[in-house]
């Protein structure tokens, strides 16, 4: 996966899959990033990493919920957000019934027990 080498506080290619229906939609997308308290910057850096979102710090619960909402609303690939799972947020963030679970963590792998 391309983001495994990306530093913890950096999200790359955050525009992938986004479809804007009006110029104002694009402006609101970029503005929403800037309004999330943990976001330091949101820019295309010209290095082929697309839209790069640099965070000031690890996202808190509300920050993470905003990142999930923004990505869900605009169809952004959410797999990079999995790196923000912590012991403190695991109960709600990794909830199998959450609308974002599969988009962030992938499909649930069911372990079958072998009966001997």
PDB file of N, CA and C in Angstrom:
ATOM      1  N   UNK A   1       0.839  -1.180   0.000  1.00  0.00           N
ATOM      2  CA  UNK A   1       0.000   0.000   0.000  1.00  0.00           C
ATOM      3  C   UNK A   1       0.882   1.241   0.000  1.00  0.00           C
ATOM      4  N   UNK A   2       0.526   2.198  -0.791  1.00  0.00           N
ATOM      5  CA  UNK A   2       1.394   3.353  -0.995  1.00  0.00           C
ATOM      6  C   UNK A   2       1.577   4.219   0.243  1.00  0.00           C
ATOM      7  N   UNK A   3       0.617   4.238   1.178  1.00  0.00           N
ATOM      8  CA  UNK A   3       0.728   5.148   2.310  1.00  0.00           C
ATOM      9  C   UNK A   3       1.475   4.563   3.486  1.00  0.00           C
ATOM     10  N   UNK A   4       1.912   3.321   3.404  1.00  0.00           N
ATOM     11  CA  UNK A   4       2.627   2.730   4.522  1.00  0.00           C
ATOM     12  C   UNK A   4       3.969   3.428   4.776  1.00  0.00           C
ATOM     13  N   UNK A   5       4.525   4.073   3.771  1.00  0.00           N
ATOM     14  CA  UNK A   5       5.783   4.787   3.941  1.00  0.00           C
ATOM     15  C   UNK A   5       5.562   6.261   4.249  1.00  0.00           C
ATOM     16  N   UNK A   6       4.334   6.678   4.308  1.00  0.00           N
ATOM     17  CA  UNK A   6       3.991   8.070   4.581  1.00  0.00           C
ATOM     18  C   UNK A   6       3.996   8.284   6.092  1.00  0.00           C
ATOM     19  N   UNK A   7       4.588   9.396   6.559  1.00  0.00           N
ATOM     20  CA  UNK A   7       4.583   9.685   8.004  1.00  0.00           C
ATOM     21  C   UNK A   7       3.163   9.687   8.584  1.00  0.00           C
ATOM     22  N   UNK A   8       3.073   9.373   9.855  1.00  0.00           N
ATOM     23  CA  UNK A   8       1.789   9.255  10.544  1.00  0.00           C
ATOM     24  C   UNK A   8       0.876  10.460  10.330  1.00  0.00           C
ATOM     25  N   UNK A   9       1.434  11.652  10.372  1.00  0.00           N
ATOM     26  CA  UNK A   9       0.603  12.856  10.319  1.00  0.00           C
ATOM     27  C   UNK A   9       0.410  13.408   8.911  1.00  0.00           C
ATOM     28  N   UNK A  10       0.659  12.584   7.898  1.00  0.00           N
ATOM     29  CA  UNK A  10       0.490  13.009   6.514  1.00  0.00           C
ATOM     30  C   UNK A  10      -0.490  12.093   5.808  1.00  0.00           C
ATOM     31  N   UNK A  11      -1.447  12.683   5.121  1.00  0.00           N
ATOM     32  CA  UNK A  11      -2.401  11.941   4.290  1.00  0.00           C
ATOM     33  C   UNK A  11      -2.155  12.366   2.851  1.00  0.00           C
ATOM     34  N   UNK A  12      -2.030  11.411   1.940  1.00  0.00           N
ATOM     35  CA  UNK A  12      -1.756  11.742   0.539  1.00  0.00           C
ATOM     36  C   UNK A  12      -2.895  11.290  -0.364  1.00  0.00           C
ATOM     37  N   UNK A  13      -2.931  11.863  -1.568  1.00  0.00           N
ATOM     38  CA  UNK A  13      -3.928  11.516  -2.588  1.00  0.00           C
ATOM     39  C   UNK A  13      -5.359  11.660  -2.068  1.00  0.00           C
ATOM     40  N   UNK A  14      -5.576  12.669  -1.267  1.00  0.00           N
ATOM     41  CA  UNK A  14      -6.890  12.839  -0.640  1.00  0.00           C
ATOM     42  C   UNK A  14      -7.950  13.368  -1.608  1.00  0.00           C
ATOM     43  N   UNK A  15      -7.586  13.602  -2.853  1.00  0.00           N
ATOM     44  CA  UNK A  15      -8.558  14.023  -3.860  1.00  0.00           C
ATOM     45  C   UNK A  15      -8.991  12.844  -4.729  1.00  0.00           C
ATOM     46  N   UNK A  16      -8.336  11.689  -4.595  1.00  0.00           N
ATOM     47  CA  UNK A  16      -8.649  10.517  -5.429  1.00  0.00           C
ATOM     48  C   UNK A  16     -10.101  10.111  -5.250  1.00  0.00           C
ATOM     49  N   UNK A  17     -10.794   9.959  -6.348  1.00  0.00           N
ATOM     50  CA  UNK A  17     -12.182   9.526  -6.307  1.00  0.00           C
ATOM     51  C   UNK A  17     -13.180  10.637  -6.080  1.00  0.00           C
ATOM     52  N   UNK A  18     -12.709  11.846  -5.826  1.00  0.00           N
ATOM     53  CA  UNK A  18     -13.620  12.964  -5.555  1.00  0.00           C
ATOM     54  C   UNK A  18     -14.161  13.498  -6.873  1.00  0.00           C
ATOM     55  N   UNK A  19     -15.447  13.738  -6.888  1.00  0.00           N
ATOM     56  CA  UNK A  19     -16.095  14.309  -8.068  1.00  0.00           C
ATOM     57  C   UNK A  19     -16.816  15.569  -7.631  1.00  0.00           C
ATOM     58  N   UNK A  20     -16.399  16.680  -8.186  1.00  0.00           N
ATOM     59  CA  UNK A  20     -17.030  17.948  -7.850  1.00  0.00           C
ATOM     60  C   UNK A  20     -18.079  18.277  -8.902  1.00  0.00           C
ATOM     61  N   UNK A  21     -19.220  18.774  -8.454  1.00  0.00           N
ATOM     62  CA  UNK A  21     -20.303  19.090  -9.368  1.00  0.00           C
ATOM     63  C   UNK A  21     -20.405  20.587  -9.642  1.00  0.00           C
ATOM     64  N   UNK A  22     -19.581  21.350  -8.943  1.00  0.00           N
ATOM     65  CA  UNK A  22     -19.564  22.793  -9.138  1.00  0.00           C
ATOM     66  C   UNK A  22     -18.276  23.320  -8.508  1.00  0.00           C
ATOM     67  N   UNK A  23     -17.790  24.432  -8.975  1.00  0.00           N
ATOM     68  CA  UNK A  23     -16.579  25.049  -8.418  1.00  0.00           C
ATOM     69  C   UNK A  23     -16.731  25.299  -6.918  1.00  0.00           C
ATOM     70  N   UNK A  24     -17.913  25.696  -6.494  1.00  0.00           N
ATOM     71  CA  UNK A  24     -18.142  25.934  -5.063  1.00  0.00           C
ATOM     72  C   UNK A  24     -18.031  24.644  -4.249  1.00  0.00           C
ATOM     73  N   UNK A  25     -18.398  23.524  -4.848  1.00  0.00           N
ATOM     74  CA  UNK A  25     -18.265  22.239  -4.178  1.00  0.00           C
ATOM     75  C   UNK A  25     -16.791  21.964  -3.880  1.00  0.00           C
ATOM     76  N   UNK A  26     -15.935  22.250  -4.837  1.00  0.00           N
ATOM     77  CA  UNK A  26     -14.490  22.074  -4.642  1.00  0.00           C
ATOM     78  C   UNK A  26     -13.964  23.016  -3.553  1.00  0.00           C
ATOM     79  N   UNK A  27     -14.434  24.249  -3.570  1.00  0.00           N
ATOM     80  CA  UNK A  27     -14.008  25.215  -2.554  1.00  0.00           C
ATOM     81  C   UNK A  27     -14.433  24.767  -1.155  1.00  0.00           C
ATOM     82  N   UNK A  28     -15.651  24.240  -1.034  1.00  0.00           N
ATOM     83  CA  UNK A  28     -16.131  23.758   0.260  1.00  0.00           C
ATOM     84  C   UNK A  28     -15.341  22.547   0.737  1.00  0.00           C
ATOM     85  N   UNK A  29     -14.974  21.679  -0.189  1.00  0.00           N
ATOM     86  CA  UNK A  29     -14.148  20.513   0.137  1.00  0.00           C
ATOM     87  C   UNK A  29     -12.828  20.957   0.764  1.00  0.00           C
ATOM     88  N   UNK A  30     -12.159  21.888   0.114  1.00  0.00           N
ATOM     89  CA  UNK A  30     -10.874  22.383   0.614  1.00  0.00           C
ATOM     90  C   UNK A  30     -11.050  23.165   1.915  1.00  0.00           C
ATOM     91  N   UNK A  31     -12.126  23.931   2.016  1.00  0.00           N
ATOM     92  CA  UNK A  31     -12.380  24.695   3.235  1.00  0.00           C
ATOM     93  C   UNK A  31     -12.647  23.767   4.420  1.00  0.00           C
ATOM     94  N   UNK A  32     -13.379  22.669   4.183  1.00  0.00           N
ATOM     95  CA  UNK A  32     -13.684  21.733   5.259  1.00  0.00           C
ATOM     96  C   UNK A  32     -12.399  21.161   5.848  1.00  0.00           C
ATOM     97  N   UNK A  33     -11.446  20.803   4.982  1.00  0.00           N
ATOM     98  CA  UNK A  33     -10.156  20.323   5.494  1.00  0.00           C
ATOM     99  C   UNK A  33      -9.564  21.343   6.448  1.00  0.00           C
ATOM    100  N   UNK A  34      -9.549  22.596   6.040  1.00  0.00           N
ATOM    101  CA  UNK A  34      -8.904  23.645   6.839  1.00  0.00           C
ATOM    102  C   UNK A  34      -9.629  23.925   8.153  1.00  0.00           C
ATOM    103  N   UNK A  35     -10.879  23.540   8.258  1.00  0.00           N
ATOM    104  CA  UNK A  35     -11.649  23.784   9.482  1.00  0.00           C
ATOM    105  C   UNK A  35     -11.504  22.671  10.520  1.00  0.00           C
ATOM    106  N   UNK A  36     -10.913  21.573  10.149  1.00  0.00           N
ATOM    107  CA  UNK A  36     -10.707  20.486  11.103  1.00  0.00           C
ATOM    108  C   UNK A  36      -9.515  20.878  11.977  1.00  0.00           C
ATOM    109  N   UNK A  37      -9.703  20.978  13.286  1.00  0.00           N
ATOM    110  CA  UNK A  37      -8.668  21.527  14.168  1.00  0.00           C
ATOM    111  C   UNK A  37      -7.289  20.881  14.072  1.00  0.00           C
ATOM    112  N   UNK A  38      -7.208  19.597  13.782  1.00  0.00           N
ATOM    113  CA  UNK A  38      -5.892  18.940  13.737  1.00  0.00           C
ATOM    114  C   UNK A  38      -5.170  19.124  12.403  1.00  0.00           C
ATOM    115  N   UNK A  39      -5.816  19.732  11.422  1.00  0.00           N
ATOM    116  CA  UNK A  39      -5.203  19.906  10.096  1.00  0.00           C
ATOM    117  C   UNK A  39      -4.315  21.143  10.079  1.00  0.00           C
ATOM    118  N   UNK A  40      -3.068  20.931   9.702  1.00  0.00           N
ATOM    119  CA  UNK A  40      -2.091  22.021   9.567  1.00  0.00           C
ATOM    120  C   UNK A  40      -2.207  22.670   8.196  1.00  0.00           C
ATOM    121  N   UNK A  41      -2.234  21.837   7.136  1.00  0.00           N
ATOM    122  CA  UNK A  41      -2.297  22.359   5.775  1.00  0.00           C
ATOM    123  C   UNK A  41      -2.927  21.337   4.846  1.00  0.00           C
ATOM    124  N   UNK A  42      -3.361  21.828   3.704  1.00  0.00           N
ATOM    125  CA  UNK A  42      -4.007  21.007   2.691  1.00  0.00           C
ATOM    126  C   UNK A  42      -3.611  21.577   1.340  1.00  0.00           C
ATOM    127  N   UNK A  43      -2.656  20.925   0.676  1.00  0.00           N
ATOM    128  CA  UNK A  43      -2.137  21.454  -0.583  1.00  0.00           C
ATOM    129  C   UNK A  43      -1.701  20.335  -1.508  1.00  0.00           C
ATOM    130  N   UNK A  44      -1.681  20.654  -2.804  1.00  0.00           N
ATOM    131  CA  UNK A  44      -1.014  19.785  -3.765  1.00  0.00           C
ATOM    132  C   UNK A  44       0.454  20.159  -3.697  1.00  0.00           C
ATOM    133  N   UNK A  45       1.331  19.186  -3.486  1.00  0.00           N
ATOM    134  CA  UNK A  45       2.737  19.538  -3.291  1.00  0.00           C
ATOM    135  C   UNK A  45       3.595  19.366  -4.539  1.00  0.00           C
ATOM    136  N   UNK A  46       2.978  18.957  -5.667  1.00  0.00           N
ATOM    137  CA  UNK A  46       3.720  18.846  -6.911  1.00  0.00           C
ATOM    138  C   UNK A  46       4.648  17.643  -6.982  1.00  0.00           C
ATOM    139  N   UNK A  47       4.608  16.782  -5.985  1.00  0.00           N
ATOM    140  CA  UNK A  47       5.527  15.643  -5.968  1.00  0.00           C
ATOM    141  C   UNK A  47       4.861  14.355  -6.447  1.00  0.00           C
ATOM    142  N   UNK A  48       3.656  14.453  -6.971  1.00  0.00           N
ATOM    143  CA  UNK A  48       2.957  13.256  -7.408  1.00  0.00           C
ATOM    144  C   UNK A  48       2.162  12.600  -6.298  1.00  0.00           C
ATOM    145  N   UNK A  49       2.082  13.250  -5.132  1.00  0.00           N
ATOM    146  CA  UNK A  49       1.318  12.686  -4.016  1.00  0.00           C
ATOM    147  C   UNK A  49      -0.088  13.262  -3.957  1.00  0.00           C
ATOM    148  N   UNK A  50      -0.488  13.975  -5.010  1.00  0.00           N
ATOM    149  CA  UNK A  50      -1.835  14.527  -5.063  1.00  0.00           C
ATOM    150  C   UNK A  50      -2.070  15.554  -3.977  1.00  0.00           C
ATOM    151  N   UNK A  51      -3.294  15.602  -3.502  1.00  0.00           N
ATOM    152  CA  UNK A  51      -3.651  16.523  -2.427  1.00  0.00           C
ATOM    153  C   UNK A  51      -3.092  15.964  -1.129  1.00  0.00           C
ATOM    154  N   UNK A  52      -2.188  16.709  -0.516  1.00  0.00           N
ATOM    155  CA  UNK A  52      -1.532  16.271   0.715  1.00  0.00           C
ATOM    156  C   UNK A  52      -2.104  17.048   1.887  1.00  0.00           C
ATOM    157  N   UNK A  53      -2.578  16.306   2.881  1.00  0.00           N
ATOM    158  CA  UNK A  53      -3.108  16.912   4.103  1.00  0.00           C
ATOM    159  C   UNK A  53      -2.104  16.633   5.211  1.00  0.00           C
ATOM    160  N   UNK A  54      -1.564  17.699   5.762  1.00  0.00           N
ATOM    161  CA  UNK A  54      -0.587  17.590   6.844  1.00  0.00           C
ATOM    162  C   UNK A  54      -1.288  17.921   8.151  1.00  0.00           C
ATOM    163  N   UNK A  55      -1.169  17.028   9.124  1.00  0.00           N
ATOM    164  CA  UNK A  55      -1.804  17.247  10.419  1.00  0.00           C
ATOM    165  C   UNK A  55      -0.820  17.844  11.415  1.00  0.00           C
ATOM    166  N   UNK A  56      -1.341  18.651  12.356  1.00  0.00           N
ATOM    167  CA  UNK A  56      -0.524  19.247  13.425  1.00  0.00           C
ATOM    168  C   UNK A  56      -0.227  18.220  14.502  1.00  0.00           C
ATOM    169  N   UNK A  57      -1.183  17.312  14.668  1.00  0.00           N
ATOM    170  CA  UNK A  57      -1.128  16.340  15.765  1.00  0.00           C
ATOM    171  C   UNK A  57      -2.029  15.177  15.388  1.00  0.00           C
ATOM    172  N   UNK A  58      -1.942  14.126  16.176  1.00  0.00           N
ATOM    173  CA  UNK A  58      -2.855  13.005  15.984  1.00  0.00           C
ATOM    174  C   UNK A  58      -4.286  13.501  16.158  1.00  0.00           C
ATOM    175  N   UNK A  59      -5.209  13.044  15.332  1.00  0.00           N
ATOM    176  CA  UNK A  59      -6.593  13.505  15.493  1.00  0.00           C
ATOM    177  C   UNK A  59      -7.230  12.970  16.768  1.00  0.00           C
ATOM    178  N   UNK A  60      -7.948  13.853  17.464  1.00  0.00           N
ATOM    179  CA  UNK A  60      -8.749  13.437  18.605  1.00  0.00           C
ATOM    180  C   UNK A  60     -10.038  12.812  18.088  1.00  0.00           C
ATOM    181  N   UNK A  61     -10.915  12.412  18.977  1.00  0.00           N
ATOM    182  CA  UNK A  61     -12.161  11.760  18.561  1.00  0.00           C
ATOM    183  C   UNK A  61     -12.987  12.626  17.612  1.00  0.00           C
ATOM    184  N   UNK A  62     -13.199  13.896  17.962  1.00  0.00           N
ATOM    185  CA  UNK A  62     -13.997  14.757  17.100  1.00  0.00           C
ATOM    186  C   UNK A  62     -13.293  15.000  15.765  1.00  0.00           C
ATOM    187  N   UNK A  63     -11.982  15.200  15.801  1.00  0.00           N
ATOM    188  CA  UNK A  63     -11.222  15.375  14.555  1.00  0.00           C
ATOM    189  C   UNK A  63     -11.399  14.157  13.653  1.00  0.00           C
ATOM    190  N   UNK A  64     -11.267  12.981  14.244  1.00  0.00           N
ATOM    191  CA  UNK A  64     -11.361  11.745  13.474  1.00  0.00           C
ATOM    192  C   UNK A  64     -12.766  11.573  12.896  1.00  0.00           C
ATOM    193  N   UNK A  65     -13.762  11.932  13.666  1.00  0.00           N
ATOM    194  CA  UNK A  65     -15.138  11.854  13.153  1.00  0.00           C
ATOM    195  C   UNK A  65     -15.337  12.824  11.992  1.00  0.00           C
ATOM    196  N   UNK A  66     -14.716  14.003  12.065  1.00  0.00           N
ATOM    197  CA  UNK A  66     -14.800  14.951  10.952  1.00  0.00           C
ATOM    198  C   UNK A  66     -14.074  14.425   9.722  1.00  0.00           C
ATOM    199  N   UNK A  67     -12.911  13.804   9.917  1.00  0.00           N
ATOM    200  CA  UNK A  67     -12.180  13.213   8.791  1.00  0.00           C
ATOM    201  C   UNK A  67     -13.018  12.115   8.134  1.00  0.00           C
ATOM    202  N   UNK A  68     -13.653  11.283   8.955  1.00  0.00           N
ATOM    203  CA  UNK A  68     -14.518  10.227   8.425  1.00  0.00           C
ATOM    204  C   UNK A  68     -15.688  10.823   7.640  1.00  0.00           C
ATOM    205  N   UNK A  69     -16.315  11.849   8.198  1.00  0.00           N
ATOM    206  CA  UNK A  69     -17.468  12.479   7.538  1.00  0.00           C
ATOM    207  C   UNK A  69     -17.063  13.113   6.211  1.00  0.00           C
ATOM    208  N   UNK A  70     -15.973  13.836   6.202  1.00  0.00           N
ATOM    209  CA  UNK A  70     -15.492  14.496   4.988  1.00  0.00           C
ATOM    210  C   UNK A  70     -15.170  13.464   3.908  1.00  0.00           C
ATOM    211  N   UNK A  71     -14.432  12.446   4.286  1.00  0.00           N
ATOM    212  CA  UNK A  71     -14.061  11.412   3.313  1.00  0.00           C
ATOM    213  C   UNK A  71     -15.290  10.673   2.800  1.00  0.00           C
ATOM    214  N   UNK A  72     -16.231  10.378   3.689  1.00  0.00           N
ATOM    215  CA  UNK A  72     -17.462   9.693   3.279  1.00  0.00           C
ATOM    216  C   UNK A  72     -18.270  10.566   2.327  1.00  0.00           C
ATOM    217  N   UNK A  73     -18.441  11.821   2.681  1.00  0.00           N
ATOM    218  CA  UNK A  73     -19.241  12.754   1.871  1.00  0.00           C
ATOM    219  C   UNK A  73     -18.700  12.898   0.452  1.00  0.00           C
ATOM    220  N   UNK A  74     -17.366  12.983   0.324  1.00  0.00           N
ATOM    221  CA  UNK A  74     -16.762  13.222  -0.979  1.00  0.00           C
ATOM    222  C   UNK A  74     -16.210  11.965  -1.643  1.00  0.00           C
ATOM    223  N   UNK A  75     -16.380  10.807  -1.024  1.00  0.00           N
ATOM    224  CA  UNK A  75     -15.936   9.558  -1.639  1.00  0.00           C
ATOM    225  C   UNK A  75     -14.429   9.354  -1.632  1.00  0.00           C
ATOM    226  N   UNK A  76     -13.743   9.965  -0.672  1.00  0.00           N
ATOM    227  CA  UNK A  76     -12.287   9.828  -0.566  1.00  0.00           C
ATOM    228  C   UNK A  76     -11.952   8.460   0.032  1.00  0.00           C
ATOM    229  N   UNK A  77     -10.926   7.826  -0.481  1.00  0.00           N
ATOM    230  CA  UNK A  77     -10.456   6.543   0.046  1.00  0.00           C
ATOM    231  C   UNK A  77     -10.101   6.726   1.517  1.00  0.00           C
ATOM    232  N   UNK A  78     -10.729   5.953   2.383  1.00  0.00           N
ATOM    233  CA  UNK A  78     -10.563   6.129   3.824  1.00  0.00           C
ATOM    234  C   UNK A  78      -9.536   5.197   4.448  1.00  0.00           C
ATOM    235  N   UNK A  79      -8.898   4.333   3.678  1.00  0.00           N
ATOM    236  CA  UNK A  79      -7.987   3.353   4.273  1.00  0.00           C
ATOM    237  C   UNK A  79      -6.840   3.988   5.053  1.00  0.00           C
ATOM    238  N   UNK A  80      -6.404   5.166   4.660  1.00  0.00           N
ATOM    239  CA  UNK A  80      -5.313   5.830   5.384  1.00  0.00           C
ATOM    240  C   UNK A  80      -5.700   6.192   6.815  1.00  0.00           C
ATOM    241  N   UNK A  81      -6.982   6.351   7.052  1.00  0.00           N
ATOM    242  CA  UNK A  81      -7.435   6.746   8.387  1.00  0.00           C
ATOM    243  C   UNK A  81      -7.239   5.636   9.415  1.00  0.00           C
ATOM    244  N   UNK A  82      -7.076   4.410   8.974  1.00  0.00           N
ATOM    245  CA  UNK A  82      -6.878   3.279   9.889  1.00  0.00           C
ATOM    246  C   UNK A  82      -5.670   3.497  10.797  1.00  0.00           C
ATOM    247  N   UNK A  83      -4.687   4.236  10.321  1.00  0.00           N
ATOM    248  CA  UNK A  83      -3.479   4.451  11.126  1.00  0.00           C
ATOM    249  C   UNK A  83      -3.737   5.305  12.371  1.00  0.00           C
ATOM    250  N   UNK A  84      -4.912   5.893  12.465  1.00  0.00           N
ATOM    251  CA  UNK A  84      -5.236   6.713  13.628  1.00  0.00           C
ATOM    252  C   UNK A  84      -5.970   5.935  14.723  1.00  0.00           C
ATOM    253  N   UNK A  85      -6.088   4.628  14.544  1.00  0.00           N
ATOM    254  CA  UNK A  85      -6.712   3.808  15.588  1.00  0.00           C
ATOM    255  C   UNK A  85      -5.796   3.774  16.808  1.00  0.00           C
ATOM    256  N   UNK A  86      -6.391   3.967  17.974  1.00  0.00           N
ATOM    257  CA  UNK A  86      -5.659   3.892  19.239  1.00  0.00           C
ATOM    258  C   UNK A  86      -6.485   3.060  20.220  1.00  0.00           C
ATOM    259  N   UNK A  87      -5.876   2.735  21.328  1.00  0.00           N
ATOM    260  CA  UNK A  87      -6.604   2.001  22.371  1.00  0.00           C
ATOM    261  C   UNK A  87      -7.801   2.813  22.862  1.00  0.00           C
ATOM    262  N   UNK A  88      -7.675   4.136  22.876  1.00  0.00           N
ATOM    263  CA  UNK A  88      -8.751   5.002  23.369  1.00  0.00           C
ATOM    264  C   UNK A  88      -9.948   5.097  22.415  1.00  0.00           C
ATOM    265  N   UNK A  89      -9.703   5.025  21.106  1.00  0.00           N
ATOM    266  CA  UNK A  89     -10.821   5.174  20.168  1.00  0.00           C
ATOM    267  C   UNK A  89     -11.270   3.850  19.546  1.00  0.00           C
ATOM    268  N   UNK A  90     -10.576   2.782  19.859  1.00  0.00           N
ATOM    269  CA  UNK A  90     -10.853   1.487  19.217  1.00  0.00           C
ATOM    270  C   UNK A  90     -12.314   1.061  19.344  1.00  0.00           C
ATOM    271  N   UNK A  91     -12.931   1.241  20.491  1.00  0.00           N
ATOM    272  CA  UNK A  91     -14.305   0.764  20.708  1.00  0.00           C
ATOM    273  C   UNK A  91     -15.285   1.345  19.686  1.00  0.00           C
ATOM    274  N   UNK A  92     -15.208   2.629  19.413  1.00  0.00           N
ATOM    275  CA  UNK A  92     -16.143   3.216  18.449  1.00  0.00           C
ATOM    276  C   UNK A  92     -15.596   3.227  17.028  1.00  0.00           C
ATOM    277  N   UNK A  93     -14.278   3.417  16.876  1.00  0.00           N
ATOM    278  CA  UNK A  93     -13.689   3.540  15.543  1.00  0.00           C
ATOM    279  C   UNK A  93     -13.697   2.194  14.807  1.00  0.00           C
ATOM    280  N   UNK A  94     -13.469   1.106  15.511  1.00  0.00           N
ATOM    281  CA  UNK A  94     -13.403  -0.215  14.883  1.00  0.00           C
ATOM    282  C   UNK A  94     -14.717  -0.992  15.063  1.00  0.00           C
ATOM    283  N   UNK A  95     -15.775  -0.283  15.314  1.00  0.00           N
ATOM    284  CA  UNK A  95     -17.088  -0.903  15.467  1.00  0.00           C
ATOM    285  C   UNK A  95     -17.505  -1.515  14.121  1.00  0.00           C
ATOM    286  N   UNK A  96     -17.713  -2.819  14.111  1.00  0.00           N
ATOM    287  CA  UNK A  96     -18.065  -3.537  12.878  1.00  0.00           C
ATOM    288  C   UNK A  96     -19.354  -3.025  12.243  1.00  0.00           C
ATOM    289  N   UNK A  97     -20.227  -2.412  13.032  1.00  0.00           N
ATOM    290  CA  UNK A  97     -21.503  -1.920  12.515  1.00  0.00           C
ATOM    291  C   UNK A  97     -21.417  -0.481  12.007  1.00  0.00           C
ATOM    292  N   UNK A  98     -20.288   0.166  12.215  1.00  0.00           N
ATOM    293  CA  UNK A  98     -20.134   1.565  11.790  1.00  0.00           C
ATOM    294  C   UNK A  98     -20.137   1.651  10.265  1.00  0.00           C
ATOM    295  N   UNK A  99     -20.754   2.698   9.757  1.00  0.00           N
ATOM    296  CA  UNK A  99     -20.882   2.880   8.308  1.00  0.00           C
ATOM    297  C   UNK A  99     -19.514   2.957   7.618  1.00  0.00           C
ATOM    298  N   UNK A 100     -18.490   3.398   8.320  1.00  0.00           N
ATOM    299  CA  UNK A 100     -17.161   3.555   7.730  1.00  0.00           C
ATOM    300  C   UNK A 100     -16.272   2.320   7.876  1.00  0.00           C
ATOM    301  N   UNK A 101     -16.691   1.329   8.672  1.00  0.00           N
ATOM    302  CA  UNK A 101     -15.790   0.221   9.013  1.00  0.00           C
ATOM    303  C   UNK A 101     -15.124  -0.400   7.781  1.00  0.00           C
ATOM    304  N   UNK A 102     -15.924  -0.837   6.835  1.00  0.00           N
ATOM    305  CA  UNK A 102     -15.366  -1.513   5.663  1.00  0.00           C
ATOM    306  C   UNK A 102     -14.485  -0.571   4.841  1.00  0.00           C
ATOM    307  N   UNK A 103     -14.863   0.696   4.721  1.00  0.00           N
ATOM    308  CA  UNK A 103     -14.070   1.653   3.945  1.00  0.00           C
ATOM    309  C   UNK A 103     -12.709   1.917   4.587  1.00  0.00           C
ATOM    310  N   UNK A 104     -12.641   1.839   5.914  1.00  0.00           N
ATOM    311  CA  UNK A 104     -11.393   2.106   6.627  1.00  0.00           C
ATOM    312  C   UNK A 104     -10.566   0.834   6.815  1.00  0.00           C
ATOM    313  N   UNK A 105     -11.204  -0.227   7.272  1.00  0.00           N
ATOM    314  CA  UNK A 105     -10.480  -1.436   7.672  1.00  0.00           C
ATOM    315  C   UNK A 105     -10.611  -2.616   6.712  1.00  0.00           C
ATOM    316  N   UNK A 106     -11.478  -2.510   5.717  1.00  0.00           N
ATOM    317  CA  UNK A 106     -11.679  -3.612   4.784  1.00  0.00           C
ATOM    318  C   UNK A 106     -12.750  -4.565   5.282  1.00  0.00           C
ATOM    319  N   UNK A 107     -12.896  -5.650   4.569  1.00  0.00           N
ATOM    320  CA  UNK A 107     -13.935  -6.612   4.923  1.00  0.00           C
ATOM    321  C   UNK A 107     -13.563  -7.361   6.196  1.00  0.00           C
ATOM    322  N   UNK A 108     -14.572  -7.782   6.883  1.00  0.00           N
ATOM    323  CA  UNK A 108     -14.387  -8.529   8.122  1.00  0.00           C
ATOM    324  C   UNK A 108     -13.991  -9.951   7.754  1.00  0.00           C
ATOM    325  N   UNK A 109     -12.912 -10.410   8.335  1.00  0.00           N
ATOM    326  CA  UNK A 109     -12.456 -11.773   8.099  1.00  0.00           C
ATOM    327  C   UNK A 109     -13.018 -12.653   9.196  1.00  0.00           C
ATOM    328  N   UNK A 110     -13.810 -13.612   8.793  1.00  0.00           N
ATOM    329  CA  UNK A 110     -14.399 -14.530   9.755  1.00  0.00           C
ATOM    330  C   UNK A 110     -13.471 -15.722   9.889  1.00  0.00           C
ATOM    331  N   UNK A 111     -13.064 -15.985  11.108  1.00  0.00           N
ATOM    332  CA  UNK A 111     -12.205 -17.142  11.366  1.00  0.00           C
ATOM    333  C   UNK A 111     -13.076 -18.356  11.629  1.00  0.00           C
ATOM    334  N   UNK A 112     -12.827 -19.376  10.903  1.00  0.00           N
ATOM    335  CA  UNK A 112     -13.584 -20.611  11.098  1.00  0.00           C
ATOM    336  C   UNK A 112     -12.795 -21.508  12.016  1.00  0.00           C
ATOM    337  N   UNK A 113     -13.484 -22.071  12.942  1.00  0.00           N
ATOM    338  CA  UNK A 113     -12.844 -22.987  13.873  1.00  0.00           C
ATOM    339  C   UNK A 113     -12.866 -24.391  13.276  1.00  0.00           C
ATOM    340  N   UNK A 114     -11.766 -25.035  13.382  1.00  0.00           N
ATOM    341  CA  UNK A 114     -11.667 -26.403  12.893  1.00  0.00           C
ATOM    342  C   UNK A 114     -12.078 -27.332  14.017  1.00  0.00           C
ATOM    343  N   UNK A 115     -13.027 -28.166  13.703  1.00  0.00           N
ATOM    344  CA  UNK A 115     -13.483 -29.148  14.694  1.00  0.00           C
ATOM    345  C   UNK A 115     -12.707 -30.431  14.471  1.00  0.00           C
ATOM    346  N   UNK A 116     -12.055 -30.893  15.517  1.00  0.00           N
ATOM    347  CA  UNK A 116     -11.268 -32.123  15.410  1.00  0.00           C
ATOM    348  C   UNK A 116     -12.026 -33.305  15.892  1.00  0.00           C
TER     349      UNK A 116
END
